[in-house]
Amino acid sequence: MIRFTIATVCYNAGHLIGRTIKSVESQNHPGVEHLIIDGNSQDETLALIHFYQQRNSLATVQHEIVCRSEPDNGIYDAMNKALQLATGDYILFLNAGDKFHSSTVLSDIAAQLEGYTERKRRPAVLYGHTDIVDRNGHFVAHRRLAPPEKLSWKSFKHGMLVCHQAFFARIDLARKYPYDLEKYHLSADFDWCIRIMKEAERLKLPLHHTRLIVADYLEGGVSTQHHKDSLLERYDIMCHHYGKLTAILQHFYFIFRSAVK
């Protein structure tokens, strides 16, 4: 059975985490580890997680729920902790306010992987679509950037075509490439996805398009709140992976696209 680690990093997220908890709790796939990395919250977050663990002990489909609460050095430090603690075959980051699009997302994806009997040849990445929701969980829009039918690390020179919340990474590869929190504070997920896909190409492993709406993610995250600094980091990441000329040309295109939108 395919096991998924769903990693949720949070801090004082009592007003948002309930939505995320319920969405993982509702998954009808039994092979789920919900790993919650909390930054020592002082609100009701930990109480909500405790009630979640109590409910799970009586649930028809029980999941493994692990919570670690301690101070950290920001979101990517917490994500790196999750990479080290995860025990699933694949890891997906679904943070406070984000949620699965339906209760069958994980079981539907697991069914798609039944043909991959050899663990070492399973896809390096599973990916899909995302919708955007507001703070009340209401639909806002389909994400403008859509995942391509054939994804590769080169696809991301056109932007982050697959949302982080719909990017499942095989844990053995993800653990080899932790988030670069020393260099990137806002866009380390962009760099992380590219490095994992580069490794997939080196190992000749497929990237599997699920063709599902995987997640509804909360608009207005940290990179959106610090948009200019995030773009500067993404420019640096693109220079590193694709070369300076490609990065410059693509950013001219991004500016033009924003102007005519």
Protein backbone atom coordinates (compact mmCIF):
# COMPACT_ATOMS: atom_id res chain seq x y z
CA MET A 1 0.00 0.00 0.00
CA ILE A 2 1.27 3.46 -0.92
CA ARG A 3 1.78 5.63 2.16
CA PHE A 4 1.54 9.40 2.01
CA THR A 5 3.05 11.83 4.49
CA ILE A 6 1.01 15.03 4.62
CA ALA A 7 3.16 17.66 6.28
CA THR A 8 1.52 20.71 7.85
CA VAL A 9 3.74 23.45 9.24
CA CYS A 10 2.03 26.06 11.37
CA TYR A 11 2.37 28.72 14.05
CA ASN A 12 -0.55 30.28 15.93
CA ALA A 13 -2.86 28.98 13.20
CA GLY A 14 -5.89 28.12 15.32
CA HIS A 15 -8.15 30.17 13.05
CA LEU A 16 -7.05 28.20 9.95
CA ILE A 17 -5.74 24.77 10.87
CA GLY A 18 -9.17 23.24 11.53
CA ARG A 19 -9.93 23.33 7.80
CA THR A 20 -6.68 21.53 6.99
CA ILE A 21 -7.15 18.95 9.74
CA LYS A 22 -10.68 18.10 8.59
CA SER A 23 -9.54 17.69 5.02
CA VAL A 24 -6.79 15.20 5.94
CA GLU A 25 -9.10 13.50 8.43
CA SER A 26 -11.67 12.94 5.68
CA GLN A 27 -9.28 11.08 3.36
CA ASN A 28 -10.56 7.55 2.82
CA HIS A 29 -7.09 6.17 2.09
CA PRO A 30 -5.71 4.35 5.16
CA GLY A 31 -2.02 4.86 4.41
CA VAL A 32 -1.74 8.42 5.69
CA GLU A 33 0.76 9.96 8.08
CA HIS A 34 -0.21 13.50 9.07
CA LEU A 35 2.94 15.18 10.30
CA ILE A 36 2.27 18.52 12.00
CA ILE A 37 5.31 20.71 12.68
CA ASP A 38 4.24 23.51 15.00
CA GLY A 39 6.44 26.46 15.90
CA ASN A 40 5.45 26.45 19.60
CA SER A 41 2.03 28.04 19.11
CA GLN A 42 0.51 30.01 21.98
CA ASP A 43 -3.09 30.01 20.72
CA GLU A 44 -5.59 27.15 20.40
CA THR A 45 -3.64 25.35 17.66
CA LEU A 46 -2.27 22.59 19.91
CA ALA A 47 -5.65 22.01 21.55
CA LEU A 48 -7.24 21.52 18.12
CA ILE A 49 -4.49 19.04 17.19
CA HIS A 50 -5.05 17.16 20.46
CA PHE A 51 -8.80 16.84 19.76
CA TYR A 52 -7.92 15.66 16.26
CA GLN A 53 -5.74 12.88 17.69
CA GLN A 54 -8.55 11.85 20.03
CA ARG A 55 -11.08 11.66 17.19
CA ASN A 56 -8.66 9.67 15.09
CA SER A 57 -8.42 6.94 17.73
CA LEU A 58 -12.13 6.25 17.17
CA ALA A 59 -12.26 6.79 13.41
CA THR A 60 -13.29 4.09 10.95
CA VAL A 61 -10.27 4.91 8.77
CA GLN A 62 -7.47 5.74 11.17
CA HIS A 63 -4.41 7.72 10.15
CA GLU A 64 -1.11 8.20 11.91
CA ILE A 65 -0.91 11.68 13.44
CA VAL A 66 2.42 13.00 14.66
CA CYS A 67 2.82 16.48 16.15
CA ARG A 68 6.09 18.16 17.07
CA SER A 69 5.86 21.58 18.69
CA GLU A 70 9.03 23.60 19.26
CA PRO A 71 10.52 26.93 18.17
CA ASP A 72 11.97 26.98 14.66
CA ASN A 73 13.76 29.30 12.27
CA GLY A 74 10.89 29.85 9.90
CA ILE A 75 8.72 27.91 7.49
CA TYR A 76 11.51 26.24 5.52
CA ASP A 77 13.28 25.13 8.69
CA ALA A 78 10.00 23.51 9.76
CA MET A 79 9.64 21.88 6.35
CA ASN A 80 13.14 20.43 6.60
CA LYS A 81 12.20 18.93 9.97
CA ALA A 82 9.22 17.31 8.25
CA LEU A 83 11.48 15.82 5.58
CA GLN A 84 13.59 14.14 8.25
CA LEU A 85 10.62 12.81 10.23
CA ALA A 86 8.46 11.62 7.32
CA THR A 87 7.93 7.85 6.96
CA GLY A 88 5.64 7.78 3.91
CA ASP A 89 6.54 6.92 0.31
CA TYR A 90 5.61 10.44 -0.82
CA ILE A 91 5.43 13.77 0.98
CA LEU A 92 3.06 16.65 0.29
CA PHE A 93 3.09 19.98 2.12
CA LEU A 94 -0.42 21.13 3.01
CA ASN A 95 -0.16 24.03 5.40
CA ALA A 96 -2.69 25.71 7.67
CA GLY A 97 -5.56 27.04 5.58
CA ASP A 98 -4.90 24.68 2.67
CA LYS A 99 -7.04 21.59 2.14
CA PHE A 100 -7.54 18.62 -0.14
CA HIS A 101 -10.05 19.21 -2.91
CA SER A 102 -11.99 16.04 -2.08
CA SER A 103 -11.96 13.12 0.35
CA THR A 104 -10.76 10.70 -2.35
CA VAL A 105 -7.66 12.54 -3.58
CA LEU A 106 -5.16 10.17 -1.94
CA SER A 107 -7.06 6.97 -2.72
CA ASP A 108 -7.46 8.08 -6.34
CA ILE A 109 -3.72 8.74 -6.65
CA ALA A 110 -2.83 5.46 -4.93
CA ALA A 111 -5.02 3.62 -7.47
CA GLN A 112 -3.10 5.28 -10.31
CA LEU A 113 0.17 3.90 -8.90
CA GLU A 114 -0.90 0.27 -8.71
CA GLY A 115 1.07 -0.56 -11.86
CA TYR A 116 4.36 0.53 -10.27
CA THR A 117 5.22 -2.67 -8.41
CA GLU A 118 8.93 -1.90 -8.01
CA ARG A 119 9.43 0.78 -5.35
CA LYS A 120 12.64 2.14 -6.87
CA ARG A 121 10.96 2.78 -10.23
CA ARG A 122 7.94 4.63 -8.88
CA PRO A 123 7.52 8.21 -10.16
CA ALA A 124 9.77 10.78 -8.53
CA VAL A 125 6.92 13.30 -8.50
CA LEU A 126 3.13 13.13 -8.55
CA TYR A 127 1.47 16.38 -9.55
CA GLY A 128 -1.90 17.90 -10.33
CA HIS A 129 -4.10 20.99 -10.37
CA THR A 130 -5.03 23.45 -7.61
CA ASP A 131 -7.83 25.88 -6.87
CA ILE A 132 -7.50 29.07 -4.82
CA VAL A 133 -9.71 29.71 -1.78
CA ASP A 134 -10.12 32.64 0.59
CA ARG A 135 -9.70 32.65 4.38
CA ASN A 136 -13.19 31.22 4.76
CA GLY A 137 -12.41 28.32 2.43
CA HIS A 138 -14.60 29.65 -0.39
CA PHE A 139 -13.57 29.14 -4.01
CA VAL A 140 -11.87 32.17 -5.58
CA ALA A 141 -10.47 30.89 -8.89
CA HIS A 142 -8.70 28.09 -10.66
CA ARG A 143 -4.97 28.67 -10.45
CA ARG A 144 -3.90 30.63 -13.53
CA LEU A 145 -0.72 28.58 -14.09
CA ALA A 146 -1.74 25.06 -15.05
CA PRO A 147 0.48 21.97 -14.90
CA PRO A 148 1.70 20.75 -18.29
CA GLU A 149 0.84 17.32 -19.61
CA LYS A 150 4.56 16.49 -19.70
CA LEU A 151 6.46 18.05 -16.81
CA SER A 152 10.23 18.37 -16.49
CA TRP A 153 12.59 20.60 -14.53
CA LYS A 154 12.84 22.81 -17.61
CA SER A 155 9.09 23.52 -17.41
CA PHE A 156 9.64 25.82 -14.43
CA LYS A 157 11.54 28.37 -16.50
CA HIS A 158 8.01 29.52 -17.40
CA GLY A 159 7.15 29.93 -13.71
CA MET A 160 6.03 27.54 -11.00
CA LEU A 161 3.56 25.66 -13.19
CA VAL A 162 2.76 23.17 -10.43
CA CYS A 163 1.68 24.61 -7.11
CA HIS A 164 3.67 23.42 -4.11
CA GLN A 165 0.44 22.08 -2.56
CA ALA A 166 -0.04 19.74 -5.55
CA PHE A 167 3.55 18.48 -5.79
CA PHE A 168 4.11 15.09 -4.14
CA ALA A 169 7.82 14.24 -3.93
CA ARG A 170 9.15 10.75 -3.36
CA ILE A 171 10.56 10.92 0.14
CA ASP A 172 13.93 9.34 -0.62
CA LEU A 173 14.60 12.05 -3.21
CA ALA A 174 13.06 14.88 -1.19
CA ARG A 175 15.25 14.08 1.79
CA LYS A 176 18.38 14.31 -0.37
CA TYR A 177 17.50 17.89 -1.28
CA PRO A 178 16.36 19.87 1.78
CA TYR A 179 15.06 23.39 1.39
CA ASP A 180 17.88 25.92 1.09
CA LEU A 181 16.82 28.15 3.99
CA GLU A 182 20.26 29.76 4.16
CA LYS A 183 19.96 31.24 0.68
CA TYR A 184 16.20 31.55 0.15
CA HIS A 185 13.64 32.83 2.66
CA LEU A 186 10.59 33.20 0.41
CA SER A 187 11.03 30.99 -2.67
CA ALA A 188 12.95 27.95 -1.47
CA ASP A 189 10.03 25.76 -2.58
CA PHE A 190 10.58 26.86 -6.21
CA ASP A 191 14.24 25.84 -6.02
CA TRP A 192 13.38 22.59 -4.17
CA CYS A 193 10.94 21.43 -6.84
CA ILE A 194 13.44 22.10 -9.63
CA ARG A 195 16.23 20.22 -7.87
CA ILE A 196 14.01 17.18 -7.28
CA MET A 197 12.91 17.14 -10.92
CA LYS A 198 16.54 17.42 -12.05
CA GLU A 199 17.37 14.39 -9.94
CA ALA A 200 14.40 12.55 -11.46
CA GLU A 201 15.79 13.19 -14.93
CA ARG A 202 19.23 11.98 -13.87
CA LEU A 203 17.72 8.76 -12.50
CA LYS A 204 15.37 8.43 -15.49
CA LEU A 205 12.31 8.41 -13.23
CA PRO A 206 8.90 9.58 -14.49
CA LEU A 207 6.91 12.56 -13.27
CA HIS A 208 3.29 11.44 -13.04
CA HIS A 209 0.41 13.77 -13.93
CA THR A 210 -2.58 12.75 -11.77
CA ARG A 211 -4.98 15.00 -13.73
CA LEU A 212 -6.76 15.66 -10.44
CA ILE A 213 -7.48 18.86 -8.60
CA VAL A 214 -5.30 17.96 -5.63
CA ALA A 215 -5.67 20.91 -3.30
CA ASP A 216 -7.48 24.15 -2.55
CA TYR A 217 -4.81 26.51 -1.32
CA LEU A 218 -5.14 29.69 0.66
CA GLU A 219 -4.40 32.84 -1.33
CA GLY A 220 -2.06 35.47 0.08
CA GLY A 221 0.82 33.37 1.43
CA VAL A 222 4.21 34.67 2.59
CA SER A 223 5.61 35.00 -0.94
CA THR A 224 2.53 36.99 -1.97
CA GLN A 225 2.84 39.29 1.04
CA HIS A 226 6.50 39.94 0.14
CA HIS A 227 6.00 39.83 -3.61
CA LYS A 228 8.97 41.95 -4.70
CA ASP A 229 11.51 40.11 -2.55
CA SER A 230 10.03 36.79 -3.66
CA LEU A 231 10.46 37.74 -7.32
CA LEU A 232 14.09 38.69 -6.72
CA GLU A 233 14.72 35.28 -5.18
CA ARG A 234 12.98 33.54 -8.08
CA TYR A 235 15.12 35.51 -10.52
CA ASP A 236 18.24 34.29 -8.71
CA ILE A 237 16.93 30.70 -8.77
CA MET A 238 16.21 30.91 -12.49
CA CYS A 239 19.69 32.31 -13.18
CA HIS A 240 21.18 29.38 -11.30
CA HIS A 241 19.17 26.67 -13.03
CA TYR A 242 18.50 28.13 -16.50
CA GLY A 243 21.14 30.80 -17.05
CA LYS A 244 21.01 34.58 -16.78
CA LEU A 245 19.81 35.25 -20.34
CA THR A 246 16.83 32.91 -19.99
CA ALA A 247 15.98 34.44 -16.61
CA ILE A 248 16.04 37.98 -18.03
CA LEU A 249 13.95 37.11 -21.09
CA GLN A 250 11.40 35.21 -19.01
CA HIS A 251 11.04 38.07 -16.55
CA PHE A 252 10.38 40.50 -19.39
CA TYR A 253 7.63 38.09 -20.46
CA PHE A 254 6.28 37.89 -16.87
CA ILE A 255 6.08 41.70 -16.74
CA PHE A 256 4.30 41.84 -20.11
CA ARG A 257 1.89 39.08 -19.04
CA SER A 258 1.04 40.97 -15.82
CA ALA A 259 0.48 44.21 -17.75
CA VAL A 260 -2.04 42.70 -20.16
CA LYS A 261 -3.84 40.46 -17.63
